[in-house]
Amino acid sequence: MIFHVHAHVDDHMFKATAKTARDAFAKAIEWHVVGRLTGISISDSTRSYSIAEFASVMALAEIANIKASAKQYERNR
């Protein structure tokens, strides 16, 4: 999946593309902390998220994956 990271500064827009959610999140954090950019969003081509929303969605997806793996492990025991 391809992710797009956007930020607006004055009348300029910065764009980056990432192949993974982790890379997109890292770029957004870099721009926010190091670049002191604001209005940063991460898009998965379906929906656009703020940094906080994206972190939450990715954490929930990771939890769901862990639960699914645990269930699969229990079934195969």
PDB file of N, CA and C in Angstrom:
ATOM      1  N   MET A   1       0.848  -1.171   0.000  1.00  0.00           N
ATOM      2  CA  MET A   1       0.000   0.000   0.000  1.00  0.00           C
ATOM      3  C   MET A   1       0.898   1.240   0.000  1.00  0.00           C
ATOM      4  N   ILE A   2       0.502   2.249  -0.707  1.00  0.00           N
ATOM      5  CA  ILE A   2       1.232   3.508  -0.775  1.00  0.00           C
ATOM      6  C   ILE A   2       0.556   4.530   0.135  1.00  0.00           C
ATOM      7  N   PHE A   3       1.377   5.266   0.882  1.00  0.00           N
ATOM      8  CA  PHE A   3       0.883   6.311   1.771  1.00  0.00           C
ATOM      9  C   PHE A   3       1.441   7.648   1.315  1.00  0.00           C
ATOM     10  N   HIS A   4       0.638   8.696   1.472  1.00  0.00           N
ATOM     11  CA  HIS A   4       1.049  10.034   1.103  1.00  0.00           C
ATOM     12  C   HIS A   4       1.046  10.907   2.353  1.00  0.00           C
ATOM     13  N   VAL A   5       2.119  11.666   2.523  1.00  0.00           N
ATOM     14  CA  VAL A   5       2.239  12.571   3.650  1.00  0.00           C
ATOM     15  C   VAL A   5       2.233  13.990   3.092  1.00  0.00           C
ATOM     16  N   HIS A   6       1.400  14.848   3.674  1.00  0.00           N
ATOM     17  CA  HIS A   6       1.289  16.240   3.232  1.00  0.00           C
ATOM     18  C   HIS A   6       1.449  17.180   4.410  1.00  0.00           C
ATOM     19  N   ALA A   7       2.025  18.343   4.137  1.00  0.00           N
ATOM     20  CA  ALA A   7       2.118  19.399   5.144  1.00  0.00           C
ATOM     21  C   ALA A   7       2.017  20.737   4.425  1.00  0.00           C
ATOM     22  N   HIS A   8       1.424  21.696   5.093  1.00  0.00           N
ATOM     23  CA  HIS A   8       1.271  23.033   4.529  1.00  0.00           C
ATOM     24  C   HIS A   8       2.037  24.036   5.381  1.00  0.00           C
ATOM     25  N   VAL A   9       2.824  24.875   4.723  1.00  0.00           N
ATOM     26  CA  VAL A   9       3.527  25.961   5.397  1.00  0.00           C
ATOM     27  C   VAL A   9       3.334  27.197   4.537  1.00  0.00           C
ATOM     28  N   ASP A  10       2.705  28.191   5.144  1.00  0.00           N
ATOM     29  CA  ASP A  10       2.364  29.405   4.403  1.00  0.00           C
ATOM     30  C   ASP A  10       1.589  28.999   3.152  1.00  0.00           C
ATOM     31  N   ASP A  11       2.103  29.315   1.989  1.00  0.00           N
ATOM     32  CA  ASP A  11       1.423  28.952   0.742  1.00  0.00           C
ATOM     33  C   ASP A  11       2.094  27.768   0.049  1.00  0.00           C
ATOM     34  N   HIS A  12       2.954  27.063   0.760  1.00  0.00           N
ATOM     35  CA  HIS A  12       3.699  25.948   0.180  1.00  0.00           C
ATOM     36  C   HIS A  12       3.166  24.627   0.718  1.00  0.00           C
ATOM     37  N   MET A  13       3.143  23.638  -0.165  1.00  0.00           N
ATOM     38  CA  MET A  13       2.737  22.308   0.267  1.00  0.00           C
ATOM     39  C   MET A  13       3.911  21.355   0.053  1.00  0.00           C
ATOM     40  N   PHE A  14       4.191  20.575   1.088  1.00  0.00           N
ATOM     41  CA  PHE A  14       5.219  19.549   1.015  1.00  0.00           C
ATOM     42  C   PHE A  14       4.519  18.201   0.854  1.00  0.00           C
ATOM     43  N   LYS A  15       5.092  17.357   0.016  1.00  0.00           N
ATOM     44  CA  LYS A  15       4.519  16.029  -0.221  1.00  0.00           C
ATOM     45  C   LYS A  15       5.620  14.980  -0.141  1.00  0.00           C
ATOM     46  N   ALA A  16       5.263  13.820   0.378  1.00  0.00           N
ATOM     47  CA  ALA A  16       6.168  12.672   0.377  1.00  0.00           C
ATOM     48  C   ALA A  16       5.336  11.423   0.181  1.00  0.00           C
ATOM     49  N   THR A  17       5.937  10.412  -0.386  1.00  0.00           N
ATOM     50  CA  THR A  17       5.281   9.128  -0.602  1.00  0.00           C
ATOM     51  C   THR A  17       6.072   8.061   0.155  1.00  0.00           C
ATOM     52  N   ALA A  18       5.352   7.150   0.780  1.00  0.00           N
ATOM     53  CA  ALA A  18       5.987   6.068   1.531  1.00  0.00           C
ATOM     54  C   ALA A  18       5.331   4.745   1.164  1.00  0.00           C
ATOM     55  N   LYS A  19       6.131   3.692   1.179  1.00  0.00           N
ATOM     56  CA  LYS A  19       5.620   2.358   0.837  1.00  0.00           C
ATOM     57  C   LYS A  19       5.009   1.638   2.025  1.00  0.00           C
ATOM     58  N   THR A  20       5.343   2.086   3.247  1.00  0.00           N
ATOM     59  CA  THR A  20       4.802   1.442   4.441  1.00  0.00           C
ATOM     60  C   THR A  20       4.211   2.477   5.382  1.00  0.00           C
ATOM     61  N   ALA A  21       3.322   2.023   6.234  1.00  0.00           N
ATOM     62  CA  ALA A  21       2.727   2.902   7.241  1.00  0.00           C
ATOM     63  C   ALA A  21       3.807   3.428   8.173  1.00  0.00           C
ATOM     64  N   ARG A  22       4.755   2.577   8.511  1.00  0.00           N
ATOM     65  CA  ARG A  22       5.847   2.973   9.413  1.00  0.00           C
ATOM     66  C   ARG A  22       6.668   4.122   8.807  1.00  0.00           C
ATOM     67  N   ASP A  23       6.989   4.010   7.523  1.00  0.00           N
ATOM     68  CA  ASP A  23       7.764   5.067   6.862  1.00  0.00           C
ATOM     69  C   ASP A  23       6.973   6.370   6.766  1.00  0.00           C
ATOM     70  N   ALA A  24       5.677   6.258   6.489  1.00  0.00           N
ATOM     71  CA  ALA A  24       4.829   7.454   6.415  1.00  0.00           C
ATOM     72  C   ALA A  24       4.758   8.142   7.776  1.00  0.00           C
ATOM     73  N   PHE A  25       4.586   7.351   8.816  1.00  0.00           N
ATOM     74  CA  PHE A  25       4.520   7.908  10.165  1.00  0.00           C
ATOM     75  C   PHE A  25       5.848   8.560  10.539  1.00  0.00           C
ATOM     76  N   ALA A  26       6.962   7.908  10.203  1.00  0.00           N
ATOM     77  CA  ALA A  26       8.281   8.467  10.500  1.00  0.00           C
ATOM     78  C   ALA A  26       8.489   9.803   9.799  1.00  0.00           C
ATOM     79  N   LYS A  27       8.078   9.898   8.542  1.00  0.00           N
ATOM     80  CA  LYS A  27       8.222  11.154   7.794  1.00  0.00           C
ATOM     81  C   LYS A  27       7.351  12.242   8.424  1.00  0.00           C
ATOM     82  N   ALA A  28       6.130  11.909   8.800  1.00  0.00           N
ATOM     83  CA  ALA A  28       5.235  12.890   9.424  1.00  0.00           C
ATOM     84  C   ALA A  28       5.824  13.399  10.738  1.00  0.00           C
ATOM     85  N   ILE A  29       6.363  12.495  11.546  1.00  0.00           N
ATOM     86  CA  ILE A  29       6.977  12.890  12.814  1.00  0.00           C
ATOM     87  C   ILE A  29       8.217  13.747  12.563  1.00  0.00           C
ATOM     88  N   GLU A  30       9.027  13.356  11.595  1.00  0.00           N
ATOM     89  CA  GLU A  30      10.219  14.145  11.248  1.00  0.00           C
ATOM     90  C   GLU A  30       9.829  15.567  10.861  1.00  0.00           C
ATOM     91  N   TRP A  31       8.847  15.702  10.000  1.00  0.00           N
ATOM     92  CA  TRP A  31       8.411  17.033   9.588  1.00  0.00           C
ATOM     93  C   TRP A  31       7.866  17.827  10.764  1.00  0.00           C
ATOM     94  N   HIS A  32       7.126  17.153  11.633  1.00  0.00           N
ATOM     95  CA  HIS A  32       6.514  17.836  12.772  1.00  0.00           C
ATOM     96  C   HIS A  32       7.555  18.279  13.804  1.00  0.00           C
ATOM     97  N   VAL A  33       8.481  17.387  14.145  1.00  0.00           N
ATOM     98  CA  VAL A  33       9.455  17.664  15.210  1.00  0.00           C
ATOM     99  C   VAL A  33      10.650  18.449  14.690  1.00  0.00           C
ATOM    100  N   VAL A  34      11.300  17.939  13.660  1.00  0.00           N
ATOM    101  CA  VAL A  34      12.519  18.566  13.155  1.00  0.00           C
ATOM    102  C   VAL A  34      12.196  19.780  12.299  1.00  0.00           C
ATOM    103  N   GLY A  35      11.234  19.613  11.409  1.00  0.00           N
ATOM    104  CA  GLY A  35      10.887  20.700  10.500  1.00  0.00           C
ATOM    105  C   GLY A  35       9.921  21.704  11.070  1.00  0.00           C
ATOM    106  N   ARG A  36       9.331  21.363  12.215  1.00  0.00           N
ATOM    107  CA  ARG A  36       8.350  22.229  12.867  1.00  0.00           C
ATOM    108  C   ARG A  36       7.213  22.633  11.929  1.00  0.00           C
ATOM    109  N   LEU A  37       6.829  21.685  11.076  1.00  0.00           N
ATOM    110  CA  LEU A  37       5.710  21.923  10.172  1.00  0.00           C
ATOM    111  C   LEU A  37       4.408  21.611  10.894  1.00  0.00           C
ATOM    112  N   THR A  38       3.346  22.215  10.454  1.00  0.00           N
ATOM    113  CA  THR A  38       2.029  21.972  11.028  1.00  0.00           C
ATOM    114  C   THR A  38       1.071  21.545   9.928  1.00  0.00           C
ATOM    115  N   GLY A  39      -0.110  21.141  10.336  1.00  0.00           N
ATOM    116  CA  GLY A  39      -1.120  20.737   9.364  1.00  0.00           C
ATOM    117  C   GLY A  39      -0.701  19.504   8.577  1.00  0.00           C
ATOM    118  N   ILE A  40      -0.037  18.581   9.240  1.00  0.00           N
ATOM    119  CA  ILE A  40       0.467  17.380   8.573  1.00  0.00           C
ATOM    120  C   ILE A  40      -0.627  16.326   8.525  1.00  0.00           C
ATOM    121  N   SER A  41      -0.755  15.685   7.370  1.00  0.00           N
ATOM    122  CA  SER A  41      -1.728  14.604   7.239  1.00  0.00           C
ATOM    123  C   SER A  41      -1.082  13.425   6.532  1.00  0.00           C
ATOM    124  N   ILE A  42      -1.623  12.248   6.807  1.00  0.00           N
ATOM    125  CA  ILE A  42      -1.171  11.008   6.178  1.00  0.00           C
ATOM    126  C   ILE A  42      -2.392  10.384   5.518  1.00  0.00           C
ATOM    127  N   SER A  43      -2.253  10.062   4.241  1.00  0.00           N
ATOM    128  CA  SER A  43      -3.372   9.500   3.485  1.00  0.00           C
ATOM    129  C   SER A  43      -3.025   8.099   2.998  1.00  0.00           C
ATOM    130  N   ASP A  44      -4.019   7.223   3.053  1.00  0.00           N
ATOM    131  CA  ASP A  44      -3.851   5.867   2.523  1.00  0.00           C
ATOM    132  C   ASP A  44      -4.623   5.694   1.222  1.00  0.00           C
ATOM    133  N   SER A  45      -4.874   6.781   0.543  1.00  0.00           N
ATOM    134  CA  SER A  45      -5.637   6.842  -0.715  1.00  0.00           C
ATOM    135  C   SER A  45      -7.129   6.658  -0.508  1.00  0.00           C
ATOM    136  N   THR A  46      -7.535   6.311   0.706  1.00  0.00           N
ATOM    137  CA  THR A  46      -8.949   6.190   1.023  1.00  0.00           C
ATOM    138  C   THR A  46      -9.369   7.286   1.986  1.00  0.00           C
ATOM    139  N   ARG A  47      -8.517   7.532   2.964  1.00  0.00           N
ATOM    140  CA  ARG A  47      -8.840   8.492   4.018  1.00  0.00           C
ATOM    141  C   ARG A  47      -7.575   9.238   4.422  1.00  0.00           C
ATOM    142  N   SER A  48      -7.767  10.438   4.910  1.00  0.00           N
ATOM    143  CA  SER A  48      -6.652  11.248   5.387  1.00  0.00           C
ATOM    144  C   SER A  48      -6.719  11.331   6.909  1.00  0.00           C
ATOM    145  N   TYR A  49      -5.567  11.176   7.563  1.00  0.00           N
ATOM    146  CA  TYR A  49      -5.493  11.147   9.023  1.00  0.00           C
ATOM    147  C   TYR A  49      -4.517  12.195   9.539  1.00  0.00           C
ATOM    148  N   SER A  50      -4.791  12.716  10.715  1.00  0.00           N
ATOM    149  CA  SER A  50      -3.796  13.516  11.419  1.00  0.00           C
ATOM    150  C   SER A  50      -2.751  12.537  11.960  1.00  0.00           C
ATOM    151  N   ILE A  51      -1.656  13.057  12.478  1.00  0.00           N
ATOM    152  CA  ILE A  51      -0.629  12.173  13.041  1.00  0.00           C
ATOM    153  C   ILE A  51      -1.216  11.332  14.177  1.00  0.00           C
ATOM    154  N   ALA A  52      -1.951  11.969  15.072  1.00  0.00           N
ATOM    155  CA  ALA A  52      -2.537  11.249  16.215  1.00  0.00           C
ATOM    156  C   ALA A  52      -3.537  10.191  15.762  1.00  0.00           C
ATOM    157  N   GLU A  53      -4.391  10.521  14.802  1.00  0.00           N
ATOM    158  CA  GLU A  53      -5.366   9.543  14.296  1.00  0.00           C
ATOM    159  C   GLU A  53      -4.658   8.357  13.644  1.00  0.00           C
ATOM    160  N   PHE A  54      -3.627   8.652  12.858  1.00  0.00           N
ATOM    161  CA  PHE A  54      -2.901   7.590  12.169  1.00  0.00           C
ATOM    162  C   PHE A  54      -2.235   6.649  13.165  1.00  0.00           C
ATOM    163  N   ALA A  55      -1.634   7.218  14.206  1.00  0.00           N
ATOM    164  CA  ALA A  55      -0.991   6.395  15.241  1.00  0.00           C
ATOM    165  C   ALA A  55      -2.016   5.480  15.899  1.00  0.00           C
ATOM    166  N   SER A  56      -3.186   6.006  16.175  1.00  0.00           N
ATOM    167  CA  SER A  56      -4.240   5.219  16.805  1.00  0.00           C
ATOM    168  C   SER A  56      -4.726   4.093  15.888  1.00  0.00           C
ATOM    169  N   VAL A  57      -4.969   4.405  14.642  1.00  0.00           N
ATOM    170  CA  VAL A  57      -5.433   3.409  13.674  1.00  0.00           C
ATOM    171  C   VAL A  57      -4.390   2.305  13.495  1.00  0.00           C
ATOM    172  N   MET A  58      -3.135   2.676  13.402  1.00  0.00           N
ATOM    173  CA  MET A  58      -2.073   1.682  13.224  1.00  0.00           C
ATOM    174  C   MET A  58      -1.910   0.821  14.481  1.00  0.00           C
ATOM    175  N   ALA A  59      -2.048   1.414  15.657  1.00  0.00           N
ATOM    176  CA  ALA A  59      -1.963   0.640  16.904  1.00  0.00           C
ATOM    177  C   ALA A  59      -3.119  -0.354  16.987  1.00  0.00           C
ATOM    178  N   LEU A  60      -4.314   0.076  16.645  1.00  0.00           N
ATOM    179  CA  LEU A  60      -5.469  -0.822  16.668  1.00  0.00           C
ATOM    180  C   LEU A  60      -5.305  -1.962  15.662  1.00  0.00           C
ATOM    181  N   ALA A  61      -4.753  -1.667  14.494  1.00  0.00           N
ATOM    182  CA  ALA A  61      -4.509  -2.709  13.489  1.00  0.00           C
ATOM    183  C   ALA A  61      -3.479  -3.713  13.998  1.00  0.00           C
ATOM    184  N   GLU A  62      -2.444  -3.216  14.676  1.00  0.00           N
ATOM    185  CA  GLU A  62      -1.416  -4.114  15.227  1.00  0.00           C
ATOM    186  C   GLU A  62      -2.010  -5.014  16.309  1.00  0.00           C
ATOM    187  N   ILE A  63      -2.852  -4.459  17.152  1.00  0.00           N
ATOM    188  CA  ILE A  63      -3.512  -5.251  18.193  1.00  0.00           C
ATOM    189  C   ILE A  63      -4.393  -6.329  17.561  1.00  0.00           C
ATOM    190  N   ALA A  64      -5.136  -5.967  16.524  1.00  0.00           N
ATOM    191  CA  ALA A  64      -5.988  -6.945  15.832  1.00  0.00           C
ATOM    192  C   ALA A  64      -5.145  -8.067  15.224  1.00  0.00           C
ATOM    193  N   ASN A  65      -3.990  -7.717  14.655  1.00  0.00           N
ATOM    194  CA  ASN A  65      -3.107  -8.735  14.078  1.00  0.00           C
ATOM    195  C   ASN A  65      -2.568  -9.670  15.144  1.00  0.00           C
ATOM    196  N   ILE A  66      -2.204  -9.132  16.295  1.00  0.00           N
ATOM    197  CA  ILE A  66      -1.696  -9.958  17.390  1.00  0.00           C
ATOM    198  C   ILE A  66      -2.784 -10.908  17.888  1.00  0.00           C
ATOM    199  N   LYS A  67      -4.001 -10.396  18.038  1.00  0.00           N
ATOM    200  CA  LYS A  67      -5.107 -11.248  18.480  1.00  0.00           C
ATOM    201  C   LYS A  67      -5.378 -12.359  17.473  1.00  0.00           C
ATOM    202  N   ALA A  68      -5.366 -12.026  16.194  1.00  0.00           N
ATOM    203  CA  ALA A  68      -5.606 -13.035  15.156  1.00  0.00           C
ATOM    204  C   ALA A  68      -4.502 -14.094  15.170  1.00  0.00           C
ATOM    205  N   SER A  69      -3.273 -13.671  15.354  1.00  0.00           N
ATOM    206  CA  SER A  69      -2.155 -14.615  15.425  1.00  0.00           C
ATOM    207  C   SER A  69      -2.278 -15.526  16.639  1.00  0.00           C
ATOM    208  N   ALA A  70      -2.687 -14.969  17.760  1.00  0.00           N
ATOM    209  CA  ALA A  70      -2.860 -15.761  18.977  1.00  0.00           C
ATOM    210  C   ALA A  70      -3.962 -16.801  18.793  1.00  0.00           C
ATOM    211  N   LYS A  71      -5.064 -16.412  18.168  1.00  0.00           N
ATOM    212  CA  LYS A  71      -6.155 -17.352  17.910  1.00  0.00           C
ATOM    213  C   LYS A  71      -5.694 -18.470  16.986  1.00  0.00           C
ATOM    214  N   GLN A  72      -4.949 -18.114  15.953  1.00  0.00           N
ATOM    215  CA  GLN A  72      -4.440 -19.111  15.009  1.00  0.00           C
ATOM    216  C   GLN A  72      -3.485 -20.062  15.729  1.00  0.00           C
ATOM    217  N   TYR A  73      -2.658 -19.540  16.589  1.00  0.00           N
ATOM    218  CA  TYR A  73      -1.710 -20.370  17.359  1.00  0.00           C
ATOM    219  C   TYR A  73      -2.470 -21.356  18.236  1.00  0.00           C
ATOM    220  N   GLU A  74      -3.520 -20.878  18.918  1.00  0.00           N
ATOM    221  CA  GLU A  74      -4.307 -21.737  19.813  1.00  0.00           C
ATOM    222  C   GLU A  74      -5.004 -22.845  19.028  1.00  0.00           C
ATOM    223  N   ARG A  75      -5.491 -22.539  17.832  1.00  0.00           N
ATOM    224  CA  ARG A  75      -6.167 -23.541  17.011  1.00  0.00           C
ATOM    225  C   ARG A  75      -5.195 -24.613  16.536  1.00  0.00           C
ATOM    226  N   ASN A  76      -3.957 -24.223  16.301  1.00  0.00           N
ATOM    227  CA  ASN A  76      -2.969 -25.161  15.781  1.00  0.00           C
ATOM    228  C   ASN A  76      -2.232 -25.935  16.855  1.00  0.00           C
ATOM    229  N   ARG A  77      -2.499 -25.669  18.109  1.00  0.00           N
ATOM    230  CA  ARG A  77      -1.820 -26.366  19.210  1.00  0.00           C
ATOM    231  C   ARG A  77      -2.284 -27.769  19.352  1.00  0.00           C
TER     232      ARG A  77
END
